[in-house]
Amino acid sequence: MNSRQVIKRAVKTVFLGLALPLWLLCHLMGLAGNRDGVFQSFSQTVSLVPGKLGIYLRAAFYRLACPDTSDDISIGFLTVLSHRDTSIQSGVYIGPQCNIGKCFIGPNTLLGSGVHILSGSRQHDFSDPGKPIREQGGSFEKVSIGADCWLGNQAVVLTSVKDHSVVAAGSVVVAEFETGDILAGNPARRLRNRYQQAHDADGEQRGSSTEGTVREETSP
């Protein structure tokens, strides 16, 4: 590691120490019941800390509080995690004012401002019109956001998104698509695929190169 990486690692270690009492209090209060409710309250608290101080504090707290979570992450101001069973991998950036449900976020994925990742699409049952929706229950699903994805500002995601995908700003993802798909709209639809786009561009480049060679060979 170079000197900058060493200093950064030392700072993160200091913040892990600072976040430890906070995590212990969260853990002890959660033992009394409603662990997710307690966790969400602490998440709301750490979301209020501004600037770099807040980024380092949130990374340290979630490293301790959430399973399989790295402290090499950046989580913006006013972003709240609502479930402790959320895993955030190394290199993830989450912008300000996001609402993150129960999910797994793969390495090097980027979330813009105001992104909402819901804990699936079955949180509220509404099949009985004679009964209030709040009394009908529901279920929470752990959604997976793949590695190297980009979710644009204000995107809403209700299901898993595969590796290397792009979700346009303001889109609502309600169905699963293929690896590398670029999605947009409400509900989101596939515009094209990053791999196919790269393959087509590479083919066009090779075609242009071949054409130039032929012209050179046939020129007098």
C-alpha atoms as a PDB file:
ATOM      1  CA  MET A   1       0.000   0.000   0.000  1.00  0.00           C
ATOM      2  CA  ASN A   2       1.152   3.547  -0.689  1.00  0.00           C
ATOM      3  CA  SER A   3       1.215   6.234   2.016  1.00  0.00           C
ATOM      4  CA  ARG A   4      -2.227   7.569   1.092  1.00  0.00           C
ATOM      5  CA  GLN A   5      -3.796   4.127   1.420  1.00  0.00           C
ATOM      6  CA  VAL A   6      -2.047   3.583   4.754  1.00  0.00           C
ATOM      7  CA  ILE A   7      -3.405   6.880   6.120  1.00  0.00           C
ATOM      8  CA  LYS A   8      -6.898   6.108   4.836  1.00  0.00           C
ATOM      9  CA  ARG A   9      -6.815   2.668   6.456  1.00  0.00           C
ATOM     10  CA  ALA A  10      -5.677   4.210   9.736  1.00  0.00           C
ATOM     11  CA  VAL A  11      -8.526   6.740   9.660  1.00  0.00           C
ATOM     12  CA  LYS A  12     -11.050   3.967   9.006  1.00  0.00           C
ATOM     13  CA  THR A  13      -9.654   1.981  11.922  1.00  0.00           C
ATOM     14  CA  VAL A  14     -10.102   5.020  14.194  1.00  0.00           C
ATOM     15  CA  PHE A  15     -13.713   5.367  13.074  1.00  0.00           C
ATOM     16  CA  LEU A  16     -14.342   1.664  13.687  1.00  0.00           C
ATOM     17  CA  GLY A  17     -13.318   2.335  17.271  1.00  0.00           C
ATOM     18  CA  LEU A  18     -15.590   5.375  17.471  1.00  0.00           C
ATOM     19  CA  ALA A  19     -18.537   3.443  16.024  1.00  0.00           C
ATOM     20  CA  LEU A  20     -18.084   0.440  18.306  1.00  0.00           C
ATOM     21  CA  PRO A  21     -20.017   1.882  21.317  1.00  0.00           C
ATOM     22  CA  LEU A  22     -22.809   2.946  18.971  1.00  0.00           C
ATOM     23  CA  TRP A  23     -23.042  -0.547  17.511  1.00  0.00           C
ATOM     24  CA  LEU A  24     -22.952  -2.156  20.963  1.00  0.00           C
ATOM     25  CA  LEU A  25     -25.832   0.052  22.125  1.00  0.00           C
ATOM     26  CA  CYS A  26     -27.782  -0.795  18.969  1.00  0.00           C
ATOM     27  CA  HIS A  27     -27.126  -4.499  19.502  1.00  0.00           C
ATOM     28  CA  LEU A  28     -28.158  -4.456  23.180  1.00  0.00           C
ATOM     29  CA  MET A  29     -31.353  -2.500  22.510  1.00  0.00           C
ATOM     30  CA  GLY A  30     -32.182  -4.896  19.672  1.00  0.00           C
ATOM     31  CA  LEU A  31     -32.070  -7.859  22.060  1.00  0.00           C
ATOM     32  CA  ALA A  32     -35.248  -6.517  23.673  1.00  0.00           C
ATOM     33  CA  GLY A  33     -37.133  -7.023  20.392  1.00  0.00           C
ATOM     34  CA  ASN A  34     -37.849  -5.357  17.049  1.00  0.00           C
ATOM     35  CA  ARG A  35     -34.220  -5.452  15.969  1.00  0.00           C
ATOM     36  CA  ASP A  36     -34.929  -3.889  12.591  1.00  0.00           C
ATOM     37  CA  GLY A  37     -36.805  -1.026  14.217  1.00  0.00           C
ATOM     38  CA  VAL A  38     -33.888  -0.318  16.538  1.00  0.00           C
ATOM     39  CA  PHE A  39     -31.405  -0.624  13.683  1.00  0.00           C
ATOM     40  CA  GLN A  40     -33.407   1.794  11.545  1.00  0.00           C
ATOM     41  CA  SER A  41     -33.437   4.348  14.370  1.00  0.00           C
ATOM     42  CA  PHE A  42     -29.636   4.193  14.616  1.00  0.00           C
ATOM     43  CA  SER A  43     -29.370   4.372  10.831  1.00  0.00           C
ATOM     44  CA  GLN A  44     -31.453   7.551  10.873  1.00  0.00           C
ATOM     45  CA  THR A  45     -29.143   8.985  13.538  1.00  0.00           C
ATOM     46  CA  VAL A  46     -25.879   8.328  11.667  1.00  0.00           C
ATOM     47  CA  SER A  47     -27.470   9.598   8.426  1.00  0.00           C
ATOM     48  CA  LEU A  48     -27.634  13.089   9.945  1.00  0.00           C
ATOM     49  CA  VAL A  49     -23.857  13.479  10.299  1.00  0.00           C
ATOM     50  CA  PRO A  50     -22.631  15.650   7.399  1.00  0.00           C
ATOM     51  CA  GLY A  51     -19.463  15.684   5.331  1.00  0.00           C
ATOM     52  CA  LYS A  52     -16.508  13.319   5.425  1.00  0.00           C
ATOM     53  CA  LEU A  53     -17.057  12.704   9.114  1.00  0.00           C
ATOM     54  CA  GLY A  54     -20.470  11.247   8.337  1.00  0.00           C
ATOM     55  CA  ILE A  55     -19.181   9.137   5.432  1.00  0.00           C
ATOM     56  CA  TYR A  56     -16.495   7.527   7.596  1.00  0.00           C
ATOM     57  CA  LEU A  57     -18.859   7.066  10.554  1.00  0.00           C
ATOM     58  CA  ARG A  58     -21.567   5.412   8.458  1.00  0.00           C
ATOM     59  CA  ALA A  59     -19.045   3.107   6.786  1.00  0.00           C
ATOM     60  CA  ALA A  60     -17.706   2.019  10.182  1.00  0.00           C
ATOM     61  CA  PHE A  61     -21.148   1.570  11.759  1.00  0.00           C
ATOM     62  CA  TYR A  62     -22.523  -0.542   8.899  1.00  0.00           C
ATOM     63  CA  ARG A  63     -19.309  -2.573   8.782  1.00  0.00           C
ATOM     64  CA  LEU A  64     -20.031  -3.574  12.380  1.00  0.00           C
ATOM     65  CA  ALA A  65     -23.833  -3.785  12.232  1.00  0.00           C
ATOM     66  CA  CYS A  66     -24.521  -5.465   8.882  1.00  0.00           C
ATOM     67  CA  PRO A  67     -23.361  -8.929   7.776  1.00  0.00           C
ATOM     68  CA  ASP A  68     -20.685  -9.228   5.088  1.00  0.00           C
ATOM     69  CA  THR A  69     -20.319  -5.448   4.761  1.00  0.00           C
ATOM     70  CA  SER A  70     -17.092  -3.603   3.918  1.00  0.00           C
ATOM     71  CA  ASP A  71     -15.993  -0.285   5.399  1.00  0.00           C
ATOM     72  CA  ASP A  72     -14.572   0.619   1.979  1.00  0.00           C
ATOM     73  CA  ILE A  73     -17.909   2.205   1.035  1.00  0.00           C
ATOM     74  CA  SER A  74     -19.366   5.700   0.771  1.00  0.00           C
ATOM     75  CA  ILE A  75     -22.903   6.376   1.993  1.00  0.00           C
ATOM     76  CA  GLY A  76     -24.309   9.861   1.583  1.00  0.00           C
ATOM     77  CA  PHE A  77     -26.071  12.309   3.882  1.00  0.00           C
ATOM     78  CA  LEU A  78     -29.656  11.391   4.893  1.00  0.00           C
ATOM     79  CA  THR A  79     -29.446   7.887   3.431  1.00  0.00           C
ATOM     80  CA  VAL A  80     -31.218   5.358   5.650  1.00  0.00           C
ATOM     81  CA  LEU A  81     -30.975   1.565   5.784  1.00  0.00           C
ATOM     82  CA  SER A  82     -34.167  -0.023   7.077  1.00  0.00           C
ATOM     83  CA  HIS A  83     -33.002  -3.623   7.656  1.00  0.00           C
ATOM     84  CA  ARG A  84     -29.932  -4.944   9.419  1.00  0.00           C
ATOM     85  CA  ASP A  85     -29.856  -7.887   6.998  1.00  0.00           C
ATOM     86  CA  THR A  86     -28.249  -5.771   4.292  1.00  0.00           C
ATOM     87  CA  SER A  87     -24.802  -6.444   2.840  1.00  0.00           C
ATOM     88  CA  ILE A  88     -22.723  -3.798   1.057  1.00  0.00           C
ATOM     89  CA  GLN A  89     -19.552  -4.842  -0.730  1.00  0.00           C
ATOM     90  CA  SER A  90     -16.300  -2.946  -1.230  1.00  0.00           C
ATOM     91  CA  GLY A  91     -16.239   0.040  -3.567  1.00  0.00           C
ATOM     92  CA  VAL A  92     -19.963   0.805  -3.356  1.00  0.00           C
ATOM     93  CA  TYR A  93     -21.097   4.423  -3.554  1.00  0.00           C
ATOM     94  CA  ILE A  94     -24.589   5.359  -2.335  1.00  0.00           C
ATOM     95  CA  GLY A  95     -25.649   8.958  -2.852  1.00  0.00           C
ATOM     96  CA  PRO A  96     -27.592  11.193  -0.441  1.00  0.00           C
ATOM     97  CA  GLN A  97     -31.251  10.768   0.503  1.00  0.00           C
ATOM     98  CA  CYS A  98     -31.521   7.105  -0.497  1.00  0.00           C
ATOM     99  CA  ASN A  99     -33.765   4.540   1.195  1.00  0.00           C
ATOM    100  CA  ILE A 100     -32.198   1.089   1.236  1.00  0.00           C
ATOM    101  CA  GLY A 101     -34.293  -1.944   2.170  1.00  0.00           C
ATOM    102  CA  LYS A 102     -33.172  -5.517   2.742  1.00  0.00           C
ATOM    103  CA  CYS A 103     -30.627  -6.124  -0.003  1.00  0.00           C
ATOM    104  CA  PHE A 104     -27.204  -7.246  -1.143  1.00  0.00           C
ATOM    105  CA  ILE A 105     -25.194  -4.678  -3.122  1.00  0.00           C
ATOM    106  CA  GLY A 106     -22.265  -6.056  -5.112  1.00  0.00           C
ATOM    107  CA  PRO A 107     -18.802  -4.490  -5.347  1.00  0.00           C
ATOM    108  CA  ASN A 108     -18.156  -1.248  -7.235  1.00  0.00           C
ATOM    109  CA  THR A 109     -21.833  -0.438  -7.731  1.00  0.00           C
ATOM    110  CA  LEU A 110     -22.993   3.192  -7.838  1.00  0.00           C
ATOM    111  CA  LEU A 111     -26.330   4.544  -6.603  1.00  0.00           C
ATOM    112  CA  GLY A 112     -27.297   8.128  -7.375  1.00  0.00           C
ATOM    113  CA  SER A 113     -29.269  10.488  -5.140  1.00  0.00           C
ATOM    114  CA  GLY A 114     -32.735   9.521  -3.943  1.00  0.00           C
ATOM    115  CA  VAL A 115     -32.563   5.877  -5.031  1.00  0.00           C
ATOM    116  CA  HIS A 116     -35.044   3.541  -3.350  1.00  0.00           C
ATOM    117  CA  ILE A 117     -34.336  -0.187  -3.083  1.00  0.00           C
ATOM    118  CA  LEU A 118     -37.423  -1.864  -1.670  1.00  0.00           C
ATOM    119  CA  SER A 119     -37.425  -5.228   0.097  1.00  0.00           C
ATOM    120  CA  GLY A 120     -39.231  -6.909  -2.787  1.00  0.00           C
ATOM    121  CA  SER A 121     -42.717  -6.270  -4.140  1.00  0.00           C
ATOM    122  CA  ARG A 122     -44.715  -8.269  -1.578  1.00  0.00           C
ATOM    123  CA  GLN A 123     -44.333  -6.090   1.498  1.00  0.00           C
ATOM    124  CA  HIS A 124     -48.083  -5.430   1.628  1.00  0.00           C
ATOM    125  CA  ASP A 125     -50.829  -7.889   0.773  1.00  0.00           C
ATOM    126  CA  PHE A 126     -53.997  -6.237  -0.563  1.00  0.00           C
ATOM    127  CA  SER A 127     -55.965  -9.244  -1.834  1.00  0.00           C
ATOM    128  CA  ASP A 128     -58.862  -8.754   0.615  1.00  0.00           C
ATOM    129  CA  PRO A 129     -60.670  -5.470  -0.198  1.00  0.00           C
ATOM    130  CA  GLY A 130     -62.802  -5.856   2.917  1.00  0.00           C
ATOM    131  CA  LYS A 131     -59.816  -5.644   5.238  1.00  0.00           C
ATOM    132  CA  PRO A 132     -57.419  -2.706   5.747  1.00  0.00           C
ATOM    133  CA  ILE A 133     -54.146  -3.235   3.869  1.00  0.00           C
ATOM    134  CA  ARG A 134     -52.140  -2.538   7.014  1.00  0.00           C
ATOM    135  CA  GLU A 135     -53.770  -5.591   8.655  1.00  0.00           C
ATOM    136  CA  GLN A 136     -53.144  -8.015   5.769  1.00  0.00           C
ATOM    137  CA  GLY A 137     -49.451  -8.514   6.364  1.00  0.00           C
ATOM    138  CA  GLY A 138     -46.782  -9.135   3.757  1.00  0.00           C
ATOM    139  CA  SER A 139     -43.266 -10.451   3.331  1.00  0.00           C
ATOM    140  CA  PHE A 140     -39.806  -8.970   2.907  1.00  0.00           C
ATOM    141  CA  GLU A 141     -37.437 -10.261   0.236  1.00  0.00           C
ATOM    142  CA  LYS A 142     -33.673  -9.697   0.138  1.00  0.00           C
ATOM    143  CA  VAL A 143     -33.071  -8.045  -3.222  1.00  0.00           C
ATOM    144  CA  SER A 144     -29.694  -8.435  -4.940  1.00  0.00           C
ATOM    145  CA  ILE A 145     -28.018  -5.581  -6.808  1.00  0.00           C
ATOM    146  CA  GLY A 146     -25.109  -6.979  -8.814  1.00  0.00           C
ATOM    147  CA  ALA A 147     -21.507  -5.857  -9.143  1.00  0.00           C
ATOM    148  CA  ASP A 148     -20.533  -2.853 -11.248  1.00  0.00           C
ATOM    149  CA  CYS A 149     -24.073  -1.514 -11.632  1.00  0.00           C
ATOM    150  CA  TRP A 150     -25.177   2.097 -11.946  1.00  0.00           C
ATOM    151  CA  LEU A 151     -28.597   3.126 -10.615  1.00  0.00           C
ATOM    152  CA  GLY A 152     -29.447   6.691 -11.621  1.00  0.00           C
ATOM    153  CA  ASN A 153     -31.054   9.380  -9.455  1.00  0.00           C
ATOM    154  CA  GLN A 154     -34.555   8.620  -8.143  1.00  0.00           C
ATOM    155  CA  ALA A 155     -34.585   5.052  -9.476  1.00  0.00           C
ATOM    156  CA  VAL A 156     -36.933   2.668  -7.644  1.00  0.00           C
ATOM    157  CA  VAL A 157     -35.979  -1.020  -7.535  1.00  0.00           C
ATOM    158  CA  LEU A 158     -38.363  -3.769  -6.378  1.00  0.00           C
ATOM    159  CA  THR A 159     -36.464  -6.811  -7.625  1.00  0.00           C
ATOM    160  CA  SER A 160     -32.938  -8.038  -8.234  1.00  0.00           C
ATOM    161  CA  VAL A 161     -30.659  -6.355 -10.776  1.00  0.00           C
ATOM    162  CA  LYS A 162     -27.882  -8.415 -12.385  1.00  0.00           C
ATOM    163  CA  ASP A 163     -24.188  -7.569 -12.709  1.00  0.00           C
ATOM    164  CA  HIS A 164     -23.019  -4.669 -14.900  1.00  0.00           C
ATOM    165  CA  SER A 165     -26.544  -3.296 -15.399  1.00  0.00           C
ATOM    166  CA  VAL A 166     -27.504   0.363 -15.794  1.00  0.00           C
ATOM    167  CA  VAL A 167     -30.823   1.762 -14.558  1.00  0.00           C
ATOM    168  CA  ALA A 168     -31.733   5.182 -15.909  1.00  0.00           C
ATOM    169  CA  ALA A 169     -32.749   8.018 -13.574  1.00  0.00           C
ATOM    170  CA  GLY A 170     -36.378   7.864 -12.466  1.00  0.00           C
ATOM    171  CA  SER A 171     -36.913   4.285 -13.653  1.00  0.00           C
ATOM    172  CA  VAL A 172     -39.014   1.737 -11.751  1.00  0.00           C
ATOM    173  CA  VAL A 173     -37.627  -1.809 -11.951  1.00  0.00           C
ATOM    174  CA  VAL A 174     -40.318  -4.444 -11.308  1.00  0.00           C
ATOM    175  CA  ALA A 175     -38.920  -7.377 -13.345  1.00  0.00           C
ATOM    176  CA  GLU A 176     -35.530  -9.054 -13.659  1.00  0.00           C
ATOM    177  CA  PHE A 177     -33.416  -8.611 -16.791  1.00  0.00           C
ATOM    178  CA  GLU A 178     -30.130  -9.963 -18.132  1.00  0.00           C
ATOM    179  CA  THR A 179     -26.546  -9.171 -17.156  1.00  0.00           C
ATOM    180  CA  GLY A 180     -25.386  -5.875 -18.648  1.00  0.00           C
ATOM    181  CA  ASP A 181     -28.834  -4.624 -19.675  1.00  0.00           C
ATOM    182  CA  ILE A 182     -29.508  -0.880 -19.824  1.00  0.00           C
ATOM    183  CA  LEU A 183     -32.977  -0.198 -18.409  1.00  0.00           C
ATOM    184  CA  ALA A 184     -35.256   2.830 -18.503  1.00  0.00           C
ATOM    185  CA  GLY A 185     -38.890   3.765 -17.961  1.00  0.00           C
ATOM    186  CA  ASN A 186     -41.820   3.068 -15.646  1.00  0.00           C
ATOM    187  CA  PRO A 187     -42.008   0.139 -15.623  1.00  0.00           C
ATOM    188  CA  ALA A 188     -38.403  -0.244 -16.743  1.00  0.00           C
ATOM    189  CA  ARG A 189     -37.749  -1.838 -20.124  1.00  0.00           C
ATOM    190  CA  ARG A 190     -34.550  -2.992 -21.785  1.00  0.00           C
ATOM    191  CA  LEU A 191     -33.073  -0.424 -24.154  1.00  0.00           C
ATOM    192  CA  ARG A 192     -29.970  -2.376 -25.112  1.00  0.00           C
ATOM    193  CA  ASN A 193     -27.185  -4.439 -23.592  1.00  0.00           C
ATOM    194  CA  ARG A 194     -23.735  -3.112 -22.690  1.00  0.00           C
ATOM    195  CA  TYR A 195     -21.992  -6.234 -23.989  1.00  0.00           C
ATOM    196  CA  GLN A 196     -23.895  -6.226 -27.270  1.00  0.00           C
ATOM    197  CA  GLN A 197     -23.207  -2.506 -27.645  1.00  0.00           C
ATOM    198  CA  ALA A 198     -19.486  -3.087 -27.122  1.00  0.00           C
ATOM    199  CA  HIS A 199     -19.526  -6.049 -29.533  1.00  0.00           C
ATOM    200  CA  ASP A 200     -21.295  -4.020 -32.239  1.00  0.00           C
ATOM    201  CA  ALA A 201     -18.897  -1.110 -31.789  1.00  0.00           C
ATOM    202  CA  ASP A 202     -15.933  -3.474 -32.003  1.00  0.00           C
ATOM    203  CA  GLY A 203     -17.380  -5.032 -35.158  1.00  0.00           C
ATOM    204  CA  GLU A 204     -17.852  -1.619 -36.771  1.00  0.00           C
ATOM    205  CA  GLN A 205     -14.261  -0.688 -35.906  1.00  0.00           C
ATOM    206  CA  ARG A 206     -12.915  -3.909 -37.424  1.00  0.00           C
ATOM    207  CA  GLY A 207     -15.070  -3.374 -40.512  1.00  0.00           C
ATOM    208  CA  SER A 208     -13.725   0.134 -40.981  1.00  0.00           C
ATOM    209  CA  SER A 209     -10.164  -1.125 -40.556  1.00  0.00           C
ATOM    210  CA  THR A 210     -10.698  -3.918 -43.101  1.00  0.00           C
ATOM    211  CA  GLU A 211     -12.317  -1.553 -45.571  1.00  0.00           C
ATOM    212  CA  GLY A 212      -9.363   0.789 -45.321  1.00  0.00           C
ATOM    213  CA  THR A 213      -6.967  -2.087 -45.955  1.00  0.00           C
ATOM    214  CA  VAL A 214      -8.887  -3.217 -49.021  1.00  0.00           C
ATOM    215  CA  ARG A 215      -8.903   0.287 -50.401  1.00  0.00           C
ATOM    216  CA  GLU A 216      -5.179   0.581 -49.893  1.00  0.00           C
ATOM    217  CA  GLU A 217      -4.523  -2.752 -51.575  1.00  0.00           C
ATOM    218  CA  THR A 218      -6.725  -1.987 -54.613  1.00  0.00           C
ATOM    219  CA  SER A 219      -5.592   1.591 -55.101  1.00  0.00           C
ATOM    220  CA  PRO A 220      -3.292   2.162 -58.139  1.00  0.00           C
END
